[in-house]
């Protein structure tokens, strides 16, 4: 069965999904929230993401102006991540998606979710 593929470079939804539409980016944005957070904290809170994938996703979010990476000239080096104003605008949207999930899927506490 052939499936039509929808690709429109001028479509706002396509551009949005290209920016934050991976399985990890919304979770990373939500995890950082309104705080300055170190890599290890993000990794520990997310649990199942590999360090390489987290690093790659953070770099892409930084390139897209969603996340700010701040390097401190200390020994050992310290790096903190925070959301830019552009990234902070996404938090209410992610909160609405969370409320939508709770409304339609109830409390899933204790249930394992498979992330593909």
PDB file of N, CA and C in Angstrom:
ATOM      1  N   UNK A   1       0.849  -1.179   0.000  1.00  0.00           N
ATOM      2  CA  UNK A   1       0.000   0.000   0.000  1.00  0.00           C
ATOM      3  C   UNK A   1       0.893   1.240   0.000  1.00  0.00           C
ATOM      4  N   UNK A   2       0.705   2.118  -0.965  1.00  0.00           N
ATOM      5  CA  UNK A   2       1.479   3.349  -1.024  1.00  0.00           C
ATOM      6  C   UNK A   2       0.907   4.363  -0.042  1.00  0.00           C
ATOM      7  N   UNK A   3       1.829   5.077   0.584  1.00  0.00           N
ATOM      8  CA  UNK A   3       1.406   6.135   1.501  1.00  0.00           C
ATOM      9  C   UNK A   3       1.905   7.455   0.952  1.00  0.00           C
ATOM     10  N   UNK A   4       1.049   8.447   0.988  1.00  0.00           N
ATOM     11  CA  UNK A   4       1.478   9.780   0.579  1.00  0.00           C
ATOM     12  C   UNK A   4       2.393  10.341   1.658  1.00  0.00           C
ATOM     13  N   UNK A   5       3.454  10.958   1.228  1.00  0.00           N
ATOM     14  CA  UNK A   5       4.383  11.579   2.165  1.00  0.00           C
ATOM     15  C   UNK A   5       4.175  13.079   2.088  1.00  0.00           C
ATOM     16  N   UNK A   6       3.888  13.675   3.230  1.00  0.00           N
ATOM     17  CA  UNK A   6       3.639  15.109   3.289  1.00  0.00           C
ATOM     18  C   UNK A   6       4.910  15.821   3.724  1.00  0.00           C
ATOM     19  N   UNK A   7       5.479  16.578   2.808  1.00  0.00           N
ATOM     20  CA  UNK A   7       6.646  17.384   3.131  1.00  0.00           C
ATOM     21  C   UNK A   7       6.394  18.769   2.562  1.00  0.00           C
ATOM     22  N   UNK A   8       6.366  19.732   3.422  1.00  0.00           N
ATOM     23  CA  UNK A   8       6.150  21.107   2.991  1.00  0.00           C
ATOM     24  C   UNK A   8       7.065  21.996   3.814  1.00  0.00           C
ATOM     25  N   UNK A   9       8.074  22.545   3.180  1.00  0.00           N
ATOM     26  CA  UNK A   9       9.063  23.339   3.901  1.00  0.00           C
ATOM     27  C   UNK A   9       8.483  24.639   4.447  1.00  0.00           C
ATOM     28  N   UNK A  10       7.362  25.083   3.893  1.00  0.00           N
ATOM     29  CA  UNK A  10       6.740  26.313   4.370  1.00  0.00           C
ATOM     30  C   UNK A  10       5.643  26.055   5.390  1.00  0.00           C
ATOM     31  N   UNK A  11       5.382  24.814   5.691  1.00  0.00           N
ATOM     32  CA  UNK A  11       4.314  24.458   6.629  1.00  0.00           C
ATOM     33  C   UNK A  11       4.804  24.636   8.065  1.00  0.00           C
ATOM     34  N   UNK A  12       4.111  25.442   8.872  1.00  0.00           N
ATOM     35  CA  UNK A  12       4.542  25.651  10.252  1.00  0.00           C
ATOM     36  C   UNK A  12       4.624  24.353  11.063  1.00  0.00           C
ATOM     37  N   UNK A  13       3.693  23.431  10.838  1.00  0.00           N
ATOM     38  CA  UNK A  13       3.726  22.175  11.598  1.00  0.00           C
ATOM     39  C   UNK A  13       4.949  21.352  11.216  1.00  0.00           C
ATOM     40  N   UNK A  14       5.276  21.313   9.936  1.00  0.00           N
ATOM     41  CA  UNK A  14       6.460  20.577   9.493  1.00  0.00           C
ATOM     42  C   UNK A  14       7.717  21.166  10.117  1.00  0.00           C
ATOM     43  N   UNK A  15       7.818  22.495  10.122  1.00  0.00           N
ATOM     44  CA  UNK A  15       8.994  23.140  10.719  1.00  0.00           C
ATOM     45  C   UNK A  15       9.045  22.896  12.226  1.00  0.00           C
ATOM     46  N   UNK A  16       7.892  22.930  12.880  1.00  0.00           N
ATOM     47  CA  UNK A  16       7.845  22.669  14.322  1.00  0.00           C
ATOM     48  C   UNK A  16       8.324  21.260  14.631  1.00  0.00           C
ATOM     49  N   UNK A  17       7.815  20.295  13.895  1.00  0.00           N
ATOM     50  CA  UNK A  17       8.205  18.910  14.145  1.00  0.00           C
ATOM     51  C   UNK A  17       9.669  18.677  13.810  1.00  0.00           C
ATOM     52  N   UNK A  18      10.199  19.393  12.820  1.00  0.00           N
ATOM     53  CA  UNK A  18      11.624  19.275  12.500  1.00  0.00           C
ATOM     54  C   UNK A  18      12.481  19.821  13.639  1.00  0.00           C
ATOM     55  N   UNK A  19      11.953  20.802  14.365  1.00  0.00           N
ATOM     56  CA  UNK A  19      12.701  21.423  15.460  1.00  0.00           C
ATOM     57  C   UNK A  19      12.589  20.630  16.755  1.00  0.00           C
ATOM     58  N   UNK A  20      11.388  20.208  17.130  1.00  0.00           N
ATOM     59  CA  UNK A  20      11.207  19.557  18.443  1.00  0.00           C
ATOM     60  C   UNK A  20      10.524  18.203  18.351  1.00  0.00           C
ATOM     61  N   UNK A  21      10.417  17.642  17.156  1.00  0.00           N
ATOM     62  CA  UNK A  21       9.601  16.455  16.965  1.00  0.00           C
ATOM     63  C   UNK A  21      10.266  15.110  17.174  1.00  0.00           C
ATOM     64  N   UNK A  22      11.476  15.072  17.729  1.00  0.00           N
ATOM     65  CA  UNK A  22      12.066  13.763  18.008  1.00  0.00           C
ATOM     66  C   UNK A  22      11.452  13.202  19.284  1.00  0.00           C
ATOM     67  N   UNK A  23      11.719  11.945  19.558  1.00  0.00           N
ATOM     68  CA  UNK A  23      11.135  11.352  20.766  1.00  0.00           C
ATOM     69  C   UNK A  23      11.739  11.922  22.040  1.00  0.00           C
ATOM     70  N   UNK A  24      12.926  12.526  21.966  1.00  0.00           N
ATOM     71  CA  UNK A  24      13.594  12.995  23.179  1.00  0.00           C
ATOM     72  C   UNK A  24      13.501  14.495  23.419  1.00  0.00           C
ATOM     73  N   UNK A  25      13.432  15.293  22.376  1.00  0.00           N
ATOM     74  CA  UNK A  25      13.524  16.745  22.555  1.00  0.00           C
ATOM     75  C   UNK A  25      12.450  17.330  23.471  1.00  0.00           C
ATOM     76  N   UNK A  26      11.172  16.980  23.326  1.00  0.00           N
ATOM     77  CA  UNK A  26      10.193  17.536  24.262  1.00  0.00           C
ATOM     78  C   UNK A  26      10.485  17.149  25.715  1.00  0.00           C
ATOM     79  N   UNK A  27      10.969  15.938  25.923  1.00  0.00           N
ATOM     80  CA  UNK A  27      11.283  15.485  27.283  1.00  0.00           C
ATOM     81  C   UNK A  27      12.486  16.246  27.824  1.00  0.00           C
ATOM     82  N   UNK A  28      13.474  16.503  26.990  1.00  0.00           N
ATOM     83  CA  UNK A  28      14.643  17.281  27.412  1.00  0.00           C
ATOM     84  C   UNK A  28      14.214  18.695  27.786  1.00  0.00           C
ATOM     85  N   UNK A  29      13.413  19.322  26.942  1.00  0.00           N
ATOM     86  CA  UNK A  29      12.936  20.679  27.212  1.00  0.00           C
ATOM     87  C   UNK A  29      12.160  20.704  28.523  1.00  0.00           C
ATOM     88  N   UNK A  30      11.265  19.751  28.703  1.00  0.00           N
ATOM     89  CA  UNK A  30      10.450  19.659  29.918  1.00  0.00           C
ATOM     90  C   UNK A  30      11.330  19.419  31.143  1.00  0.00           C
ATOM     91  N   UNK A  31      12.365  18.603  31.008  1.00  0.00           N
ATOM     92  CA  UNK A  31      13.271  18.295  32.121  1.00  0.00           C
ATOM     93  C   UNK A  31      14.076  19.518  32.536  1.00  0.00           C
ATOM     94  N   UNK A  32      14.547  20.289  31.570  1.00  0.00           N
ATOM     95  CA  UNK A  32      15.304  21.500  31.903  1.00  0.00           C
ATOM     96  C   UNK A  32      14.378  22.521  32.557  1.00  0.00           C
ATOM     97  N   UNK A  33      13.219  22.726  31.984  1.00  0.00           N
ATOM     98  CA  UNK A  33      12.245  23.652  32.553  1.00  0.00           C
ATOM     99  C   UNK A  33      12.798  25.054  32.719  1.00  0.00           C
ATOM    100  N   UNK A  34      12.529  25.657  33.854  1.00  0.00           N
ATOM    101  CA  UNK A  34      12.939  27.037  34.122  1.00  0.00           C
ATOM    102  C   UNK A  34      14.247  27.109  34.894  1.00  0.00           C
ATOM    103  N   UNK A  35      14.963  25.998  34.978  1.00  0.00           N
ATOM    104  CA  UNK A  35      16.188  25.947  35.786  1.00  0.00           C
ATOM    105  C   UNK A  35      17.422  25.922  34.901  1.00  0.00           C
ATOM    106  N   UNK A  36      18.572  26.130  35.544  1.00  0.00           N
ATOM    107  CA  UNK A  36      19.862  25.837  34.920  1.00  0.00           C
ATOM    108  C   UNK A  36      20.242  24.457  35.419  1.00  0.00           C
ATOM    109  N   UNK A  37      20.528  23.557  34.501  1.00  0.00           N
ATOM    110  CA  UNK A  37      20.720  22.154  34.856  1.00  0.00           C
ATOM    111  C   UNK A  37      21.993  21.627  34.207  1.00  0.00           C
ATOM    112  N   UNK A  38      22.711  20.819  34.955  1.00  0.00           N
ATOM    113  CA  UNK A  38      23.913  20.183  34.418  1.00  0.00           C
ATOM    114  C   UNK A  38      23.530  18.915  33.652  1.00  0.00           C
ATOM    115  N   UNK A  39      24.427  18.523  32.757  1.00  0.00           N
ATOM    116  CA  UNK A  39      24.203  17.361  31.901  1.00  0.00           C
ATOM    117  C   UNK A  39      23.836  16.125  32.719  1.00  0.00           C
ATOM    118  N   UNK A  40      24.600  15.855  33.783  1.00  0.00           N
ATOM    119  CA  UNK A  40      24.371  14.663  34.595  1.00  0.00           C
ATOM    120  C   UNK A  40      22.988  14.627  35.220  1.00  0.00           C
ATOM    121  N   UNK A  41      22.464  15.791  35.575  1.00  0.00           N
ATOM    122  CA  UNK A  41      21.122  15.865  36.164  1.00  0.00           C
ATOM    123  C   UNK A  41      20.068  15.531  35.108  1.00  0.00           C
ATOM    124  N   UNK A  42      20.238  16.100  33.921  1.00  0.00           N
ATOM    125  CA  UNK A  42      19.295  15.796  32.832  1.00  0.00           C
ATOM    126  C   UNK A  42      19.323  14.300  32.538  1.00  0.00           C
ATOM    127  N   UNK A  43      20.514  13.751  32.422  1.00  0.00           N
ATOM    128  CA  UNK A  43      20.666  12.326  32.111  1.00  0.00           C
ATOM    129  C   UNK A  43      20.043  11.457  33.201  1.00  0.00           C
ATOM    130  N   UNK A  44      20.275  11.800  34.457  1.00  0.00           N
ATOM    131  CA  UNK A  44      19.730  11.009  35.571  1.00  0.00           C
ATOM    132  C   UNK A  44      18.204  11.068  35.605  1.00  0.00           C
ATOM    133  N   UNK A  45      17.630  12.240  35.365  1.00  0.00           N
ATOM    134  CA  UNK A  45      16.171  12.373  35.406  1.00  0.00           C
ATOM    135  C   UNK A  45      15.500  11.637  34.254  1.00  0.00           C
ATOM    136  N   UNK A  46      16.170  11.614  33.096  1.00  0.00           N
ATOM    137  CA  UNK A  46      15.569  10.952  31.938  1.00  0.00           C
ATOM    138  C   UNK A  46      15.785   9.444  31.980  1.00  0.00           C
ATOM    139  N   UNK A  47      16.845   9.015  32.616  1.00  0.00           N
ATOM    140  CA  UNK A  47      17.050   7.594  32.853  1.00  0.00           C
ATOM    141  C   UNK A  47      17.496   6.752  31.681  1.00  0.00           C
ATOM    142  N   UNK A  48      16.658   6.578  30.675  1.00  0.00           N
ATOM    143  CA  UNK A  48      16.961   5.567  29.659  1.00  0.00           C
ATOM    144  C   UNK A  48      17.636   6.101  28.405  1.00  0.00           C
ATOM    145  N   UNK A  49      17.879   7.386  28.310  1.00  0.00           N
ATOM    146  CA  UNK A  49      18.537   7.949  27.127  1.00  0.00           C
ATOM    147  C   UNK A  49      20.048   7.757  27.253  1.00  0.00           C
ATOM    148  N   UNK A  50      20.708   7.418  26.167  1.00  0.00           N
ATOM    149  CA  UNK A  50      22.166   7.265  26.217  1.00  0.00           C
ATOM    150  C   UNK A  50      22.817   8.645  26.267  1.00  0.00           C
ATOM    151  N   UNK A  51      24.024   8.706  26.786  1.00  0.00           N
ATOM    152  CA  UNK A  51      24.742   9.979  26.878  1.00  0.00           C
ATOM    153  C   UNK A  51      25.003  10.557  25.493  1.00  0.00           C
ATOM    154  N   UNK A  52      25.303   9.706  24.534  1.00  0.00           N
ATOM    155  CA  UNK A  52      25.570  10.181  23.172  1.00  0.00           C
ATOM    156  C   UNK A  52      24.325  10.812  22.560  1.00  0.00           C
ATOM    157  N   UNK A  53      23.200  10.147  22.693  1.00  0.00           N
ATOM    158  CA  UNK A  53      21.956  10.677  22.129  1.00  0.00           C
ATOM    159  C   UNK A  53      21.582  11.977  22.832  1.00  0.00           C
ATOM    160  N   UNK A  54      21.715  12.019  24.157  1.00  0.00           N
ATOM    161  CA  UNK A  54      21.413  13.242  24.897  1.00  0.00           C
ATOM    162  C   UNK A  54      22.310  14.383  24.428  1.00  0.00           C
ATOM    163  N   UNK A  55      23.591  14.113  24.268  1.00  0.00           N
ATOM    164  CA  UNK A  55      24.529  15.128  23.781  1.00  0.00           C
ATOM    165  C   UNK A  55      24.112  15.633  22.404  1.00  0.00           C
ATOM    166  N   UNK A  56      23.792  14.718  21.504  1.00  0.00           N
ATOM    167  CA  UNK A  56      23.385  15.099  20.145  1.00  0.00           C
ATOM    168  C   UNK A  56      22.109  15.942  20.162  1.00  0.00           C
ATOM    169  N   UNK A  57      21.134  15.527  20.963  1.00  0.00           N
ATOM    170  CA  UNK A  57      19.863  16.248  21.023  1.00  0.00           C
ATOM    171  C   UNK A  57      20.049  17.642  21.633  1.00  0.00           C
ATOM    172  N   UNK A  58      20.882  17.741  22.675  1.00  0.00           N
ATOM    173  CA  UNK A  58      21.160  19.049  23.276  1.00  0.00           C
ATOM    174  C   UNK A  58      21.849  19.969  22.271  1.00  0.00           C
ATOM    175  N   UNK A  59      22.766  19.436  21.500  1.00  0.00           N
ATOM    176  CA  UNK A  59      23.445  20.247  20.466  1.00  0.00           C
ATOM    177  C   UNK A  59      22.451  20.765  19.433  1.00  0.00           C
ATOM    178  N   UNK A  60      21.547  19.901  18.998  1.00  0.00           N
ATOM    179  CA  UNK A  60      20.546  20.325  18.013  1.00  0.00           C
ATOM    180  C   UNK A  60      19.624  21.389  18.597  1.00  0.00           C
ATOM    181  N   UNK A  61      19.216  21.207  19.847  1.00  0.00           N
ATOM    182  CA  UNK A  61      18.369  22.208  20.498  1.00  0.00           C
ATOM    183  C   UNK A  61      19.111  23.531  20.653  1.00  0.00           C
ATOM    184  N   UNK A  62      20.405  23.457  20.921  1.00  0.00           N
ATOM    185  CA  UNK A  62      21.217  24.670  21.017  1.00  0.00           C
ATOM    186  C   UNK A  62      21.306  25.353  19.643  1.00  0.00           C
ATOM    187  N   UNK A  63      21.552  24.583  18.599  1.00  0.00           N
ATOM    188  CA  UNK A  63      21.629  25.134  17.236  1.00  0.00           C
ATOM    189  C   UNK A  63      20.321  25.798  16.816  1.00  0.00           C
ATOM    190  N   UNK A  64      19.201  25.263  17.292  1.00  0.00           N
ATOM    191  CA  UNK A  64      17.888  25.808  16.947  1.00  0.00           C
ATOM    192  C   UNK A  64      17.461  26.952  17.864  1.00  0.00           C
ATOM    193  N   UNK A  65      18.313  27.319  18.814  1.00  0.00           N
ATOM    194  CA  UNK A  65      18.010  28.442  19.690  1.00  0.00           C
ATOM    195  C   UNK A  65      17.015  28.138  20.793  1.00  0.00           C
ATOM    196  N   UNK A  66      16.841  26.861  21.118  1.00  0.00           N
ATOM    197  CA  UNK A  66      15.903  26.444  22.161  1.00  0.00           C
ATOM    198  C   UNK A  66      16.614  26.332  23.507  1.00  0.00           C
ATOM    199  N   UNK A  67      17.840  25.853  23.487  1.00  0.00           N
ATOM    200  CA  UNK A  67      18.632  25.619  24.698  1.00  0.00           C
ATOM    201  C   UNK A  67      19.898  26.461  24.649  1.00  0.00           C
ATOM    202  N   UNK A  68      20.273  26.980  25.807  1.00  0.00           N
ATOM    203  CA  UNK A  68      21.536  27.715  25.948  1.00  0.00           C
ATOM    204  C   UNK A  68      22.505  26.830  26.719  1.00  0.00           C
ATOM    205  N   UNK A  69      23.719  26.727  26.209  1.00  0.00           N
ATOM    206  CA  UNK A  69      24.783  25.950  26.859  1.00  0.00           C
ATOM    207  C   UNK A  69      25.791  26.944  27.407  1.00  0.00           C
ATOM    208  N   UNK A  70      26.008  26.912  28.719  1.00  0.00           N
ATOM    209  CA  UNK A  70      26.935  27.834  29.372  1.00  0.00           C
ATOM    210  C   UNK A  70      28.102  27.046  29.960  1.00  0.00           C
ATOM    211  N   UNK A  71      29.306  27.367  29.499  1.00  0.00           N
ATOM    212  CA  UNK A  71      30.516  26.689  29.956  1.00  0.00           C
ATOM    213  C   UNK A  71      31.224  27.601  30.947  1.00  0.00           C
ATOM    214  N   UNK A  72      31.538  27.063  32.127  1.00  0.00           N
ATOM    215  CA  UNK A  72      32.249  27.811  33.156  1.00  0.00           C
ATOM    216  C   UNK A  72      33.715  27.415  33.122  1.00  0.00           C
ATOM    217  N   UNK A  73      34.570  28.394  33.196  1.00  0.00           N
ATOM    218  CA  UNK A  73      36.016  28.130  33.151  1.00  0.00           C
ATOM    219  C   UNK A  73      36.489  27.756  34.546  1.00  0.00           C
ATOM    220  N   UNK A  74      36.244  26.522  34.881  1.00  0.00           N
ATOM    221  CA  UNK A  74      36.615  25.961  36.180  1.00  0.00           C
ATOM    222  C   UNK A  74      37.302  24.629  35.940  1.00  0.00           C
ATOM    223  N   UNK A  75      37.961  24.150  36.946  1.00  0.00           N
ATOM    224  CA  UNK A  75      38.524  22.801  36.915  1.00  0.00           C
ATOM    225  C   UNK A  75      37.888  22.003  38.033  1.00  0.00           C
ATOM    226  N   UNK A  76      37.230  20.916  37.765  1.00  0.00           N
ATOM    227  CA  UNK A  76      36.890  20.407  36.433  1.00  0.00           C
ATOM    228  C   UNK A  76      35.866  21.326  35.749  1.00  0.00           C
ATOM    229  N   UNK A  77      35.814  21.278  34.423  1.00  0.00           N
ATOM    230  CA  UNK A  77      34.888  22.147  33.689  1.00  0.00           C
ATOM    231  C   UNK A  77      33.440  21.884  34.094  1.00  0.00           C
ATOM    232  N   UNK A  78      32.662  22.954  34.119  1.00  0.00           N
ATOM    233  CA  UNK A  78      31.243  22.835  34.470  1.00  0.00           C
ATOM    234  C   UNK A  78      30.431  23.418  33.317  1.00  0.00           C
ATOM    235  N   UNK A  79      29.400  22.692  32.926  1.00  0.00           N
ATOM    236  CA  UNK A  79      28.511  23.135  31.850  1.00  0.00           C
ATOM    237  C   UNK A  79      27.085  23.082  32.376  1.00  0.00           C
ATOM    238  N   UNK A  80      26.346  24.151  32.144  1.00  0.00           N
ATOM    239  CA  UNK A  80      24.936  24.186  32.531  1.00  0.00           C
ATOM    240  C   UNK A  80      24.076  24.478  31.309  1.00  0.00           C
ATOM    241  N   UNK A  81      22.911  23.870  31.303  1.00  0.00           N
ATOM    242  CA  UNK A  81      21.953  24.067  30.222  1.00  0.00           C
ATOM    243  C   UNK A  81      20.724  24.769  30.781  1.00  0.00           C
ATOM    244  N   UNK A  82      20.197  25.684  29.999  1.00  0.00           N
ATOM    245  CA  UNK A  82      18.953  26.359  30.354  1.00  0.00           C
ATOM    246  C   UNK A  82      18.188  26.633  29.065  1.00  0.00           C
ATOM    247  N   UNK A  83      16.923  26.950  29.217  1.00  0.00           N
ATOM    248  CA  UNK A  83      16.119  27.269  28.048  1.00  0.00           C
ATOM    249  C   UNK A  83      16.282  28.743  27.706  1.00  0.00           C
ATOM    250  N   UNK A  84      16.345  29.030  26.435  1.00  0.00           N
ATOM    251  CA  UNK A  84      16.356  30.404  25.957  1.00  0.00           C
ATOM    252  C   UNK A  84      14.924  30.945  26.060  1.00  0.00           C
ATOM    253  N   UNK A  85      14.724  32.242  25.851  1.00  0.00           N
ATOM    254  CA  UNK A  85      13.339  32.741  25.819  1.00  0.00           C
ATOM    255  C   UNK A  85      12.471  31.973  24.814  1.00  0.00           C
ATOM    256  N   UNK A  86      13.054  31.633  23.678  1.00  0.00           N
ATOM    257  CA  UNK A  86      12.349  30.833  22.665  1.00  0.00           C
ATOM    258  C   UNK A  86      11.969  29.463  23.231  1.00  0.00           C
ATOM    259  N   UNK A  87      12.879  28.843  23.976  1.00  0.00           N
ATOM    260  CA  UNK A  87      12.607  27.547  24.588  1.00  0.00           C
ATOM    261  C   UNK A  87      11.574  27.636  25.694  1.00  0.00           C
ATOM    262  N   UNK A  88      11.631  28.718  26.478  1.00  0.00           N
ATOM    263  CA  UNK A  88      10.662  28.903  27.563  1.00  0.00           C
ATOM    264  C   UNK A  88       9.234  29.016  27.027  1.00  0.00           C
ATOM    265  N   UNK A  89       9.084  29.546  25.812  1.00  0.00           N
ATOM    266  CA  UNK A  89       7.753  29.637  25.203  1.00  0.00           C
ATOM    267  C   UNK A  89       7.140  28.261  24.963  1.00  0.00           C
ATOM    268  N   UNK A  90       7.967  27.240  24.865  1.00  0.00           N
ATOM    269  CA  UNK A  90       7.459  25.884  24.630  1.00  0.00           C
ATOM    270  C   UNK A  90       6.893  25.231  25.892  1.00  0.00           C
ATOM    271  N   UNK A  91       7.312  25.692  27.078  1.00  0.00           N
ATOM    272  CA  UNK A  91       6.875  25.038  28.320  1.00  0.00           C
ATOM    273  C   UNK A  91       5.359  25.001  28.485  1.00  0.00           C
ATOM    274  N   UNK A  92       4.630  26.114  28.284  1.00  0.00           N
ATOM    275  CA  UNK A  92       3.169  26.018  28.418  1.00  0.00           C
ATOM    276  C   UNK A  92       2.549  25.035  27.424  1.00  0.00           C
ATOM    277  N   UNK A  93       3.126  24.948  26.233  1.00  0.00           N
ATOM    278  CA  UNK A  93       2.618  24.018  25.222  1.00  0.00           C
ATOM    279  C   UNK A  93       2.843  22.578  25.679  1.00  0.00           C
ATOM    280  N   UNK A  94       4.039  22.290  26.195  1.00  0.00           N
ATOM    281  CA  UNK A  94       4.327  20.940  26.698  1.00  0.00           C
ATOM    282  C   UNK A  94       3.467  20.620  27.913  1.00  0.00           C
ATOM    283  N   UNK A  95       3.200  21.620  28.762  1.00  0.00           N
ATOM    284  CA  UNK A  95       2.306  21.405  29.906  1.00  0.00           C
ATOM    285  C   UNK A  95       0.891  21.074  29.434  1.00  0.00           C
ATOM    286  N   UNK A  96       0.430  21.750  28.369  1.00  0.00           N
ATOM    287  CA  UNK A  96      -0.897  21.430  27.816  1.00  0.00           C
ATOM    288  C   UNK A  96      -0.931  20.005  27.269  1.00  0.00           C
ATOM    289  N   UNK A  97       0.141  19.583  26.605  1.00  0.00           N
ATOM    290  CA  UNK A  97       0.202  18.207  26.105  1.00  0.00           C
ATOM    291  C   UNK A  97       0.181  17.203  27.255  1.00  0.00           C
ATOM    292  N   UNK A  98       0.854  17.545  28.349  1.00  0.00           N
ATOM    293  CA  UNK A  98       0.853  16.674  29.529  1.00  0.00           C
ATOM    294  C   UNK A  98      -0.555  16.562  30.101  1.00  0.00           C
ATOM    295  N   UNK A  99      -1.251  17.708  30.213  1.00  0.00           N
ATOM    296  CA  UNK A  99      -2.630  17.683  30.731  1.00  0.00           C
ATOM    297  C   UNK A  99      -3.550  16.902  29.784  1.00  0.00           C
ATOM    298  N   UNK A 100      -3.343  17.053  28.475  1.00  0.00           N
ATOM    299  CA  UNK A 100      -4.135  16.298  27.508  1.00  0.00           C
ATOM    300  C   UNK A 100      -3.942  14.800  27.728  1.00  0.00           C
ATOM    301  N   UNK A 101      -2.690  14.379  27.919  1.00  0.00           N
ATOM    302  CA  UNK A 101      -2.401  12.965  28.152  1.00  0.00           C
ATOM    303  C   UNK A 101      -3.076  12.473  29.430  1.00  0.00           C
ATOM    304  N   UNK A 102      -2.998  13.267  30.492  1.00  0.00           N
ATOM    305  CA  UNK A 102      -3.621  12.861  31.755  1.00  0.00           C
ATOM    306  C   UNK A 102      -5.133  12.735  31.603  1.00  0.00           C
ATOM    307  N   UNK A 103      -5.735  13.640  30.843  1.00  0.00           N
ATOM    308  CA  UNK A 103      -7.181  13.606  30.628  1.00  0.00           C
ATOM    309  C   UNK A 103      -7.600  12.362  29.848  1.00  0.00           C
ATOM    310  N   UNK A 104      -6.858  12.036  28.811  1.00  0.00           N
ATOM    311  CA  UNK A 104      -7.278  10.960  27.915  1.00  0.00           C
ATOM    312  C   UNK A 104      -6.686   9.595  28.243  1.00  0.00           C
ATOM    313  N   UNK A 105      -5.633   9.578  29.021  1.00  0.00           N
ATOM    314  CA  UNK A 105      -4.999   8.303  29.348  1.00  0.00           C
ATOM    315  C   UNK A 105      -4.933   8.052  30.844  1.00  0.00           C
ATOM    316  N   UNK A 106      -5.464   8.970  31.631  1.00  0.00           N
ATOM    317  CA  UNK A 106      -5.500   8.789  33.070  1.00  0.00           C
ATOM    318  C   UNK A 106      -4.123   8.785  33.697  1.00  0.00           C
ATOM    319  N   UNK A 107      -4.090   8.345  34.926  1.00  0.00           N
ATOM    320  CA  UNK A 107      -2.837   8.274  35.672  1.00  0.00           C
ATOM    321  C   UNK A 107      -2.110   7.006  35.259  1.00  0.00           C
ATOM    322  N   UNK A 108      -0.950   7.170  34.665  1.00  0.00           N
ATOM    323  CA  UNK A 108      -0.183   6.007  34.211  1.00  0.00           C
ATOM    324  C   UNK A 108       0.968   5.696  35.152  1.00  0.00           C
ATOM    325  N   UNK A 109       0.906   6.224  36.376  1.00  0.00           N
ATOM    326  CA  UNK A 109       1.984   5.964  37.331  1.00  0.00           C
ATOM    327  C   UNK A 109       2.168   4.471  37.510  1.00  0.00           C
ATOM    328  N   UNK A 110       3.418   4.053  37.474  1.00  0.00           N
ATOM    329  CA  UNK A 110       3.725   2.647  37.686  1.00  0.00           C
ATOM    330  C   UNK A 110       3.661   1.813  36.424  1.00  0.00           C
ATOM    331  N   UNK A 111       3.096   2.373  35.365  1.00  0.00           N
ATOM    332  CA  UNK A 111       3.040   1.644  34.100  1.00  0.00           C
ATOM    333  C   UNK A 111       4.258   2.018  33.277  1.00  0.00           C
ATOM    334  N   UNK A 112       4.931   1.031  32.764  1.00  0.00           N
ATOM    335  CA  UNK A 112       6.083   1.295  31.915  1.00  0.00           C
ATOM    336  C   UNK A 112       5.641   1.704  30.520  1.00  0.00           C
ATOM    337  N   UNK A 113       6.289   2.697  29.978  1.00  0.00           N
ATOM    338  CA  UNK A 113       6.025   3.119  28.614  1.00  0.00           C
ATOM    339  C   UNK A 113       7.207   2.734  27.751  1.00  0.00           C
ATOM    340  N   UNK A 114       6.930   2.259  26.594  1.00  0.00           N
ATOM    341  CA  UNK A 114       8.003   1.906  25.668  1.00  0.00           C
ATOM    342  C   UNK A 114       8.221   3.085  24.724  1.00  0.00           C
ATOM    343  N   UNK A 115       9.416   3.629  24.766  1.00  0.00           N
ATOM    344  CA  UNK A 115       9.771   4.732  23.878  1.00  0.00           C
ATOM    345  C   UNK A 115      10.513   4.140  22.701  1.00  0.00           C
ATOM    346  N   UNK A 116      10.009   4.376  21.515  1.00  0.00           N
ATOM    347  CA  UNK A 116      10.615   3.788  20.318  1.00  0.00           C
ATOM    348  C   UNK A 116      11.568   4.734  19.668  1.00  0.00           C
TER     349      UNK A 116
END
